[in-house]
Protein backbone atom coordinates (compact mmCIF):
# COMPACT_ATOMS: atom_id res chain seq x y z
CA MET A 1 2.26 -0.95 86.99
CA LEU A 2 -0.47 -2.96 85.08
CA ASN A 3 1.09 -6.20 85.58
CA ARG A 4 1.39 -5.52 89.54
CA GLN A 5 -2.29 -4.54 89.80
CA ALA A 6 -3.74 -6.82 87.43
CA ALA A 7 -1.54 -10.12 88.74
CA SER A 8 -2.29 -9.18 92.39
CA LEU A 9 -6.11 -8.44 91.43
CA LEU A 10 -7.06 -11.90 89.52
CA SER A 11 -4.54 -14.04 91.78
CA GLU A 12 -6.85 -13.10 94.85
CA LEU A 13 -9.99 -12.95 92.83
CA LEU A 14 -9.43 -16.65 91.98
CA ILE A 15 -8.10 -17.55 94.91
CA MET A 16 -11.22 -15.94 96.56
CA VAL A 17 -13.47 -18.00 94.31
CA PHE A 18 -11.71 -21.09 95.15
CA HIS A 19 -12.43 -20.01 98.94
CA ILE A 20 -15.78 -19.41 98.25
CA PHE A 21 -16.52 -22.40 96.82
CA LEU A 22 -14.77 -24.41 99.24
CA VAL A 23 -16.66 -22.79 102.12
CA MET A 24 -19.97 -23.48 100.36
CA LEU A 25 -19.06 -27.13 99.68
CA LEU A 26 -17.88 -27.97 103.31
CA SER A 27 -21.17 -26.34 104.19
CA GLY A 28 -23.04 -28.98 102.36
CA VAL A 29 -24.13 -26.77 99.35
CA GLY A 30 -21.96 -28.48 96.83
CA THR A 31 -23.84 -31.75 96.38
CA SER A 32 -24.39 -32.67 92.89
CA SER A 33 -28.11 -31.98 92.68
CA LEU A 34 -27.36 -28.23 93.16
CA LEU A 35 -24.08 -27.53 91.57
CA ASN A 36 -25.23 -26.58 88.27
CA SER A 37 -28.46 -25.09 89.53
CA THR A 38 -29.32 -21.39 89.84
CA SER A 39 -29.83 -21.56 93.25
CA LEU A 40 -26.15 -22.33 93.81
CA GLU A 41 -25.10 -19.10 92.01
CA ASP A 42 -27.49 -17.08 94.62
CA GLN A 43 -26.13 -18.22 97.41
CA LEU A 44 -22.65 -17.98 96.13
CA PHE A 45 -23.48 -14.09 95.01
CA GLN A 46 -24.79 -13.69 98.88
CA TYR A 47 -22.03 -15.08 100.08
CA ILE A 48 -19.86 -12.77 98.27
CA ASP A 49 -22.05 -9.71 98.84
CA ASP A 50 -21.75 -10.58 102.95
CA HIS A 51 -17.99 -10.66 102.67
CA GLN A 52 -16.95 -8.39 100.15
CA ASP A 53 -15.34 -5.64 103.05
CA LYS A 54 -13.12 -8.55 103.64
CA PHE A 55 -12.35 -9.32 100.34
CA VAL A 56 -11.59 -5.50 99.32
CA GLN A 57 -9.37 -5.05 102.74
CA THR A 58 -7.48 -8.34 101.56
CA LEU A 59 -7.15 -6.64 98.34
CA LYS A 60 -5.92 -3.27 99.39
CA GLU A 61 -3.28 -5.38 101.32
CA TRP A 62 -2.11 -7.52 98.31
CA VAL A 63 -1.71 -4.12 95.87
CA ALA A 64 0.20 -2.53 98.93
CA VAL A 65 2.94 -4.98 98.05
CA LYS A 66 5.22 -3.21 95.93
CA SER A 67 5.70 -6.15 93.33
CA ASP A 68 6.40 -3.72 90.18
CA SER A 69 8.30 -6.50 87.81
CA ILE A 70 10.07 -3.50 86.12
CA GLN A 71 11.94 -2.30 89.11
CA PRO A 72 14.87 -4.52 89.54
CA ALA A 73 15.30 -2.84 93.36
CA GLN A 74 11.56 -4.32 93.52
CA ARG A 75 12.37 -8.53 93.00
CA SER A 76 12.19 -9.16 96.15
CA GLU A 77 8.63 -7.89 96.51
CA VAL A 78 7.83 -9.84 93.54
CA ILE A 79 8.78 -12.71 95.09
CA GLY A 80 7.20 -11.88 98.44
CA MET A 81 3.77 -11.39 96.32
CA VAL A 82 4.00 -15.14 94.92
CA LYS A 83 4.67 -16.51 98.60
CA ILE A 84 1.90 -14.28 99.74
CA ALA A 85 -0.31 -16.01 97.04
CA ALA A 86 0.95 -19.56 97.71
CA SER A 87 0.56 -19.02 101.58
CA ARG A 88 -3.14 -17.94 100.67
CA LEU A 89 -3.55 -21.02 98.77
CA GLN A 90 -1.89 -23.55 101.29
CA ASP A 91 -4.35 -22.06 103.95
CA LEU A 92 -7.19 -23.00 101.62
CA GLY A 93 -5.81 -26.99 101.37
CA ALA A 94 -4.05 -26.78 98.32
CA ASN A 95 -0.45 -28.19 97.40
CA VAL A 96 1.71 -25.53 96.14
CA THR A 97 5.39 -25.40 94.64
CA LEU A 98 7.21 -22.95 92.82
CA VAL A 99 6.00 -24.33 89.54
CA ASN A 100 3.90 -27.04 89.96
CA MET A 101 0.47 -27.38 91.84
CA SER A 102 -2.11 -30.13 92.62
CA VAL A 103 -5.66 -29.67 91.86
CA GLN A 104 -8.55 -29.22 94.04
CA GLN A 105 -11.06 -31.96 93.40
CA ASP A 106 -13.84 -30.82 95.18
CA LEU A 107 -14.88 -27.84 92.96
CA PRO A 108 -17.03 -27.89 89.96
CA VAL A 109 -13.88 -27.65 87.66
CA ASN A 110 -10.20 -28.28 88.59
CA LEU A 111 -8.45 -25.08 89.05
CA LYS A 112 -4.39 -24.88 88.24
CA PHE A 113 -3.01 -21.09 89.07
CA LEU A 114 0.06 -19.83 86.77
CA ILE A 115 0.94 -16.90 88.69
CA GLU A 116 4.01 -14.65 87.33
CA GLY A 117 4.84 -11.39 88.19
CA MET A 118 7.64 -10.46 85.78
CA GLU A 119 5.19 -9.52 82.68
CA GLU A 120 6.48 -5.84 82.18
CA ALA A 121 10.36 -6.97 82.20
CA ILE A 122 9.39 -9.24 79.52
CA SER A 123 8.92 -12.45 81.48
CA ILE A 124 12.00 -13.97 80.76
CA GLY A 125 12.09 -17.61 81.26
CA LEU A 126 8.25 -17.99 81.16
CA LYS A 127 8.26 -19.13 77.65
CA GLU A 128 11.12 -22.18 78.77
CA LEU A 129 9.25 -22.93 81.69
CA VAL A 130 5.45 -23.19 79.88
CA GLU A 131 7.41 -25.63 77.08
CA ARG A 132 8.99 -27.47 80.11
CA GLU A 133 5.49 -28.28 81.67
CA LYS A 134 3.71 -28.44 78.49
CA GLU A 135 3.30 -32.44 79.29
CA GLN A 136 3.12 -32.26 82.95
CA PHE A 137 1.44 -29.13 84.46
CA PHE A 138 -0.69 -28.43 81.18
CA SER A 139 -1.37 -32.05 80.19
CA ASN A 140 -4.86 -32.20 81.80
CA VAL A 141 -5.88 -28.48 81.40
CA ASP A 142 -8.77 -27.97 78.86
CA TYR A 143 -9.18 -24.29 79.13
CA ILE A 144 -6.82 -21.19 79.77
CA VAL A 145 -8.27 -18.18 81.20
CA ILE A 146 -6.21 -14.47 81.44
CA SER A 147 -7.78 -11.26 83.32
CA ASP A 148 -5.31 -8.70 82.13
CA ASN A 149 -6.97 -5.93 80.28
CA THR A 150 -10.08 -3.88 80.81
CA TRP A 151 -13.52 -3.27 79.16
CA LEU A 152 -14.04 -0.75 76.02
CA SER A 153 -16.66 1.14 78.50
CA THR A 154 -17.47 1.53 81.68
CA GLU A 155 -20.72 0.11 82.15
CA LYS A 156 -20.72 -2.58 79.46
CA PRO A 157 -18.90 -5.96 79.90
CA ALA A 158 -16.63 -7.73 77.18
CA LEU A 159 -14.77 -10.48 76.45
CA THR A 160 -11.40 -9.89 74.29
CA TYR A 161 -10.57 -12.46 71.31
CA GLY A 162 -7.49 -10.63 69.92
CA THR A 163 -4.63 -8.61 70.83
CA ARG A 164 -1.90 -6.86 68.74
CA GLY A 165 1.97 -7.76 68.87
CA ASN A 166 4.65 -5.34 69.18
CA VAL A 167 8.29 -4.96 68.46
CA GLY A 168 10.36 -2.04 69.05
CA PHE A 169 13.00 -0.57 66.69
CA SER A 170 16.34 1.59 67.29
CA VAL A 171 17.97 3.72 64.50
CA GLU A 172 21.35 4.94 65.14
CA VAL A 173 22.80 7.65 63.16
CA GLN A 174 26.69 8.21 64.18
CA GLY A 175 28.87 10.94 62.70
CA GLY A 176 32.03 12.08 64.27
CA GLU A 177 34.12 11.29 67.16
CA ARG A 178 32.53 13.80 69.52
CA ASP A 179 29.64 16.61 70.04
CA LEU A 180 30.25 19.67 67.99
CA HIS A 181 29.24 23.09 68.59
CA SER A 182 26.78 24.74 65.80
CA GLY A 183 28.63 27.81 65.82
CA ALA A 184 31.88 26.69 64.93
CA LEU A 185 30.60 23.73 62.51
CA GLY A 186 26.96 24.47 62.09
CA GLY A 187 26.76 24.49 58.23
CA ILE A 188 29.69 22.79 56.98
CA VAL A 189 28.77 19.16 58.39
CA GLN A 190 26.41 16.50 57.92
CA GLU A 191 24.37 16.56 61.40
CA PRO A 192 23.12 12.96 62.39
CA MET A 193 20.22 14.61 63.95
CA SER A 194 19.02 15.96 60.91
CA ASP A 195 19.52 12.61 59.27
CA LEU A 196 17.68 10.81 62.20
CA ILE A 197 14.83 13.28 62.01
CA ALA A 198 14.39 12.53 57.88
CA LEU A 199 14.31 8.79 58.77
CA LEU A 200 11.84 8.86 61.52
CA ASP A 201 9.73 11.53 59.50
CA SER A 202 9.86 9.05 56.51
CA LEU A 203 7.87 6.13 58.33
CA VAL A 204 4.41 7.22 59.00
CA ASP A 205 2.28 9.72 56.68
CA SER A 206 -0.07 12.42 58.73
CA SER A 207 -3.08 9.95 58.39
CA GLY A 208 -1.38 7.37 60.30
CA HIS A 209 -0.37 5.12 57.00
CA ILE A 210 2.57 3.45 57.56
CA LEU A 211 4.84 4.13 54.55
CA ILE A 212 7.45 0.76 54.97
CA PRO A 213 6.36 -1.15 51.49
CA GLY A 214 5.11 -4.46 51.93
CA ILE A 215 4.24 -3.81 56.00
CA TYR A 216 0.32 -4.56 55.13
CA ASP A 217 0.76 -7.65 53.00
CA GLY A 218 0.52 -9.98 55.72
CA VAL A 219 -2.54 -8.17 57.08
CA ASP A 220 -6.16 -10.00 56.89
CA ASP A 221 -8.70 -8.70 54.84
CA PHE A 222 -11.11 -6.73 56.74
CA THR A 223 -14.27 -8.99 55.53
CA GLU A 224 -17.94 -7.86 55.86
CA GLU A 225 -18.30 -10.84 58.38
CA GLU A 226 -15.75 -9.15 60.45
CA LYS A 227 -17.28 -5.85 60.44
CA LYS A 228 -20.82 -7.33 61.61
CA LEU A 229 -19.20 -8.07 65.00
CA TYR A 230 -18.43 -4.52 65.49
CA GLU A 231 -22.18 -3.25 65.07
CA PRO A 232 -23.35 -4.13 68.42
CA ILE A 233 -19.93 -2.95 70.20
CA GLU A 234 -20.81 -0.31 72.49
CA PHE A 235 -18.49 2.58 71.96
CA ASP A 236 -18.77 6.73 72.26
CA ILE A 237 -16.67 8.07 70.45
CA GLU A 238 -16.72 11.35 72.12
CA GLN A 239 -16.64 10.02 75.47
CA TYR A 240 -13.45 8.07 74.51
CA LYS A 241 -12.10 11.28 73.47
CA ILE A 242 -12.54 12.89 76.93
CA ASP A 243 -11.06 9.58 78.55
CA VAL A 244 -8.19 9.79 76.48
CA GLY A 245 -7.63 13.74 76.41
CA VAL A 246 -7.91 14.08 72.62
CA LYS A 247 -9.54 17.01 70.71
CA LYS A 248 -9.68 14.65 67.49
CA PHE A 249 -8.95 10.89 66.13
CA LEU A 250 -7.57 10.07 62.83
CA TYR A 251 -10.91 8.22 62.12
CA ASP A 252 -14.37 9.48 62.12
CA THR A 253 -16.65 6.03 62.51
CA LYS A 254 -16.78 3.40 65.40
CA GLU A 255 -15.93 0.76 62.63
CA GLU A 256 -12.95 2.81 61.45
CA ILE A 257 -11.52 3.82 64.78
CA LEU A 258 -11.89 0.38 66.68
CA SER A 259 -10.40 -1.37 63.22
CA HIS A 260 -7.31 0.68 63.40
CA LEU A 261 -6.85 0.28 67.05
CA TRP A 262 -7.28 -3.64 66.57
CA ARG A 263 -7.01 -5.58 63.59
CA PHE A 264 -4.46 -2.98 61.41
CA PRO A 265 -0.77 -2.31 62.47
CA SER A 266 0.43 0.89 63.90
CA LEU A 267 3.82 2.66 64.23
CA SER A 268 4.68 5.14 67.04
CA ILE A 269 7.81 7.19 67.49
CA HIS A 270 8.79 7.11 71.36
CA GLY A 271 11.75 9.34 71.63
CA ILE A 272 15.48 10.23 70.72
CA GLU A 273 18.41 9.22 72.75
CA GLY A 274 21.31 11.71 72.69
CA ALA A 275 19.48 14.65 71.94
CA PHE A 276 19.10 17.62 74.39
CA HIS A 277 15.62 17.44 75.98
CA GLU A 278 16.38 20.31 79.14
CA LYS A 279 15.08 23.17 79.27
CA GLY A 280 16.62 26.35 77.59
CA ILE A 281 18.71 25.96 74.24
CA LYS A 282 22.16 24.12 74.28
CA THR A 283 23.85 24.52 71.30
CA VAL A 284 25.55 21.43 70.33
CA ILE A 285 25.70 19.18 67.46
CA PRO A 286 25.09 15.47 69.11
CA SER A 287 27.66 13.24 67.36
CA ARG A 288 25.57 9.88 68.04
CA VAL A 289 21.58 10.38 68.32
CA ILE A 290 19.17 7.08 68.55
CA GLY A 291 15.72 7.21 67.43
CA LYS A 292 12.99 4.93 69.40
CA PHE A 293 9.71 3.57 67.50
CA SER A 294 7.80 0.89 67.55
CA ILE A 295 5.18 -1.37 65.28
CA ARG A 296 2.10 -2.97 66.87
CA GLN A 297 1.67 -5.80 64.25
CA VAL A 298 -1.61 -8.12 64.14
CA PRO A 299 -2.26 -11.58 63.29
CA HIS A 300 -0.60 -13.16 60.31
CA MET A 301 2.03 -10.43 60.34
CA ASN A 302 5.28 -12.22 60.07
CA LEU A 303 7.85 -10.80 62.68
CA SER A 304 11.17 -11.87 60.85
CA THR A 305 9.36 -10.50 57.82
CA VAL A 306 8.62 -6.92 59.37
CA GLU A 307 12.12 -6.55 61.08
CA CYS A 308 13.60 -7.02 57.38
CA GLN A 309 11.02 -4.83 55.29
CA VAL A 310 12.10 -2.01 58.18
CA LYS A 311 15.55 -2.41 57.83
CA GLN A 312 15.59 -2.31 54.30
CA TYR A 313 13.48 0.41 54.03
CA LEU A 314 15.51 2.68 56.25
CA GLU A 315 18.96 1.74 54.63
CA LYS A 316 16.99 2.47 51.29
CA GLU A 317 15.77 5.92 52.59
CA PHE A 318 19.49 6.72 54.10
CA SER A 319 20.86 6.18 51.08
CA LYS A 320 19.23 8.84 49.22
CA ARG A 321 20.77 11.64 52.16
CA ASN A 322 24.23 10.89 50.37
CA SER A 323 25.42 11.09 54.24
CA PRO A 324 28.68 10.55 55.16
CA ASN A 325 27.52 9.09 59.01
CA LYS A 326 26.83 5.57 59.88
CA LEU A 327 23.47 4.13 59.96
CA THR A 328 22.56 1.10 62.27
CA VAL A 329 19.09 -0.16 62.62
CA HIS A 330 18.22 -2.72 65.59
CA ALA A 331 15.08 -4.57 66.23
CA GLU A 332 14.41 -5.36 70.09
CA GLU A 333 12.86 -8.81 70.94
CA GLY A 334 9.08 -8.45 69.76
CA ALA A 335 6.08 -9.96 71.26
CA SER A 336 3.53 -12.13 68.98
CA PRO A 337 0.08 -10.81 68.46
CA TRP A 338 -2.86 -13.14 69.55
CA ILE A 339 -6.30 -13.98 68.19
CA THR A 340 -8.56 -16.89 69.10
CA ASN A 341 -12.24 -18.14 68.11
CA ILE A 342 -15.00 -17.15 69.88
CA SER A 343 -17.06 -19.99 69.28
CA ASP A 344 -14.85 -21.87 71.77
CA PRO A 345 -16.85 -23.34 74.94
CA GLN A 346 -15.33 -21.18 77.46
CA TYR A 347 -16.23 -17.95 75.47
CA LYS A 348 -20.05 -19.11 75.57
CA ALA A 349 -19.88 -20.06 79.33
CA ALA A 350 -18.30 -16.86 80.06
CA ALA A 351 -21.04 -14.88 78.04
CA LYS A 352 -23.62 -16.67 80.00
CA ALA A 353 -21.76 -15.54 83.02
CA ILE A 354 -21.95 -12.04 82.24
CA LYS A 355 -25.37 -12.28 81.31
CA ARG A 356 -26.00 -13.85 84.60
CA VAL A 357 -24.40 -11.04 86.75
CA PHE A 358 -24.42 -7.81 84.90
CA LYS A 359 -27.65 -8.49 83.02
CA LYS A 360 -26.42 -7.89 79.29
CA ASP A 361 -24.67 -9.62 76.77
CA PRO A 362 -20.87 -8.70 76.58
CA ASP A 363 -19.18 -6.58 73.78
CA MET A 364 -16.84 -9.21 71.91
CA ILE A 365 -13.82 -6.99 71.59
CA ARG A 366 -9.75 -7.09 70.61
CA ASP A 367 -7.23 -5.04 72.19
CA GLY A 368 -4.82 -2.82 70.72
CA SER A 369 -1.79 -3.62 73.62
CA THR A 370 0.37 -6.33 73.55
CA ILE A 371 -0.09 -9.52 76.11
CA PRO A 372 2.68 -11.88 75.24
CA ILE A 373 1.77 -15.01 77.50
CA ALA A 374 -1.68 -15.01 75.25
CA GLN A 375 -0.17 -16.19 71.92
CA MET A 376 2.54 -18.52 73.77
CA LEU A 377 0.27 -20.31 75.90
CA GLN A 378 -1.87 -21.32 72.62
CA ASP A 379 1.31 -21.75 70.75
CA ILE A 380 3.20 -24.07 73.20
CA THR A 381 -0.18 -25.71 74.95
CA LYS A 382 -2.44 -26.14 71.84
CA LYS A 383 -5.25 -24.99 74.30
CA SER A 384 -7.86 -22.82 74.41
CA VAL A 385 -7.27 -19.29 75.72
CA MET A 386 -9.52 -16.43 76.34
CA MET A 387 -9.07 -13.05 77.90
CA PHE A 388 -11.64 -12.18 80.53
CA PRO A 389 -11.24 -8.79 81.79
CA ILE A 390 -12.98 -7.11 84.62
CA GLY A 391 -11.93 -3.78 84.79
CA ALA A 392 -13.77 -0.81 83.30
CA ALA A 393 -11.98 1.38 80.51
CA ASP A 394 -11.47 4.22 83.24
CA ASP A 395 -9.25 2.14 85.12
CA GLY A 396 -6.24 3.98 83.81
CA GLU A 397 -3.88 1.06 83.06
CA HIS A 398 -0.11 1.62 83.16
CA SER A 399 -0.82 4.78 84.79
CA GLN A 400 0.03 6.05 88.45
CA LYS A 401 -3.42 6.29 89.42
CA GLU A 402 -4.39 2.57 88.05
CA LYS A 403 -7.58 1.44 89.76
CA ILE A 404 -10.54 -0.70 90.04
CA SER A 405 -13.87 0.21 90.92
CA ARG A 406 -15.40 -1.53 94.21
CA LYS A 407 -18.35 -2.78 92.29
CA ASN A 408 -16.62 -4.33 89.50
CA TYR A 409 -14.23 -6.10 91.77
CA ILE A 410 -17.00 -7.54 93.75
CA ASP A 411 -19.24 -8.39 90.32
CA GLY A 412 -16.08 -9.75 88.85
CA THR A 413 -15.92 -12.05 91.92
CA LYS A 414 -19.57 -12.96 91.16
CA VAL A 415 -19.19 -13.76 87.61
CA PHE A 416 -15.83 -16.01 87.66
CA SER A 417 -18.28 -18.01 90.16
CA SER A 418 -20.64 -18.18 87.63
CA PHE A 419 -18.38 -18.69 84.73
CA LEU A 420 -16.72 -22.05 86.56
CA LEU A 421 -20.15 -23.45 87.27
CA GLU A 422 -21.27 -22.46 83.40
CA ILE A 423 -17.89 -23.86 82.12
CA SER A 424 -18.58 -27.02 84.03
CA LYS A 425 -21.71 -27.85 82.57
CA LEU A 426 -20.90 -27.04 79.23
CA HIS A 427 -18.00 -29.04 79.57
CA LYS A 428 -19.87 -32.28 80.51
CA GLU A 429 -22.66 -31.50 77.75
CA LEU A 430 -19.35 -31.76 75.10
CA LEU A 431 -18.32 -34.73 76.32
CA ARG A 432 -21.50 -36.68 76.46
CA GLY A 433 -22.26 -35.53 72.81
CA SER A 434 -18.34 -36.59 72.13
CA LYS A 435 -19.50 -40.18 72.90
């Protein structure tokens, strides 16, 4: 759900910015003397305000396409959504192919779009595509912008400079050949469910601390310099409890809550396959059960090392039970965490654009969730990657009622317009300084 709305929104938003610049340039506004001026920004913002009803209507049409990549039955809709985006770009004069696109030379910066709709289905094949296009499509790219997360609040904009990774595990305990009846055999057999519950209970304590030895070895020290980044962040703990629907967090201060959400790993137990889950009681002893859990790892934790630590720990804990049952631990395909340098030029340009549009400096935040393409693009292309969200904290990402406010949509269009002007100016200054 998140990817479908986020992809539609960002694609339409950036294409809309492309369209606005094109209209302004064709109207004679985009001369070199005005291109970097506040006057041009004012005219761009006025154009956006005057046409916002049209923009909102277009967005409605785009998000109405059921391009949910996790649903196999809707794969044709994903392809259809890409074709809609391609058609819109072609209408604006861009050359479009499924993989490579030429650039529009008349804008203050050259724009390239990577539109991919399968993020919720782990984007199979995307890494290979990026590697193949590293020396072609990405060869003359200086900066990469992703908009696939939200602010920390509903009012104050943010720029994101890090995310956690994720790896899922399945823990299978196999008993006899078939399910048994608890009345006939309960008390004289070692039940797989009992083994599994004990193993799951051994993973994390009541304070959220992961009990697997060595799991924190790769986590960077929480320095005083890093802690200072948390001080200006606008974060209402009581409101956040209301927003997420809980009465109490494991921690009490802003710094503790955000650091454990962003820069420390966490372990979550998600469910048990093979267990009776319907209403009422069924007195069955399942012969085979599979527990599902995941670990959100943070930058500098090694994924292969984490997998080995988990397997060794569970096998050791299982051996303590002297169970005749069979244990199998399997790690799913994982996604890497991501972190970047907030001193990169595009963060400075984005902060200026946010100040111009929203009249306030952005929070510099990290995200506890996982966006695999960020580290992938950074590793393969060696380019600067930035996450530039325009959604608010109450947008309900991944929910059935996911949304974006009209205000954030329109102001988000303005801020991207301003960002293109700012990064153009800053990049030119950097080039002049390097000569």
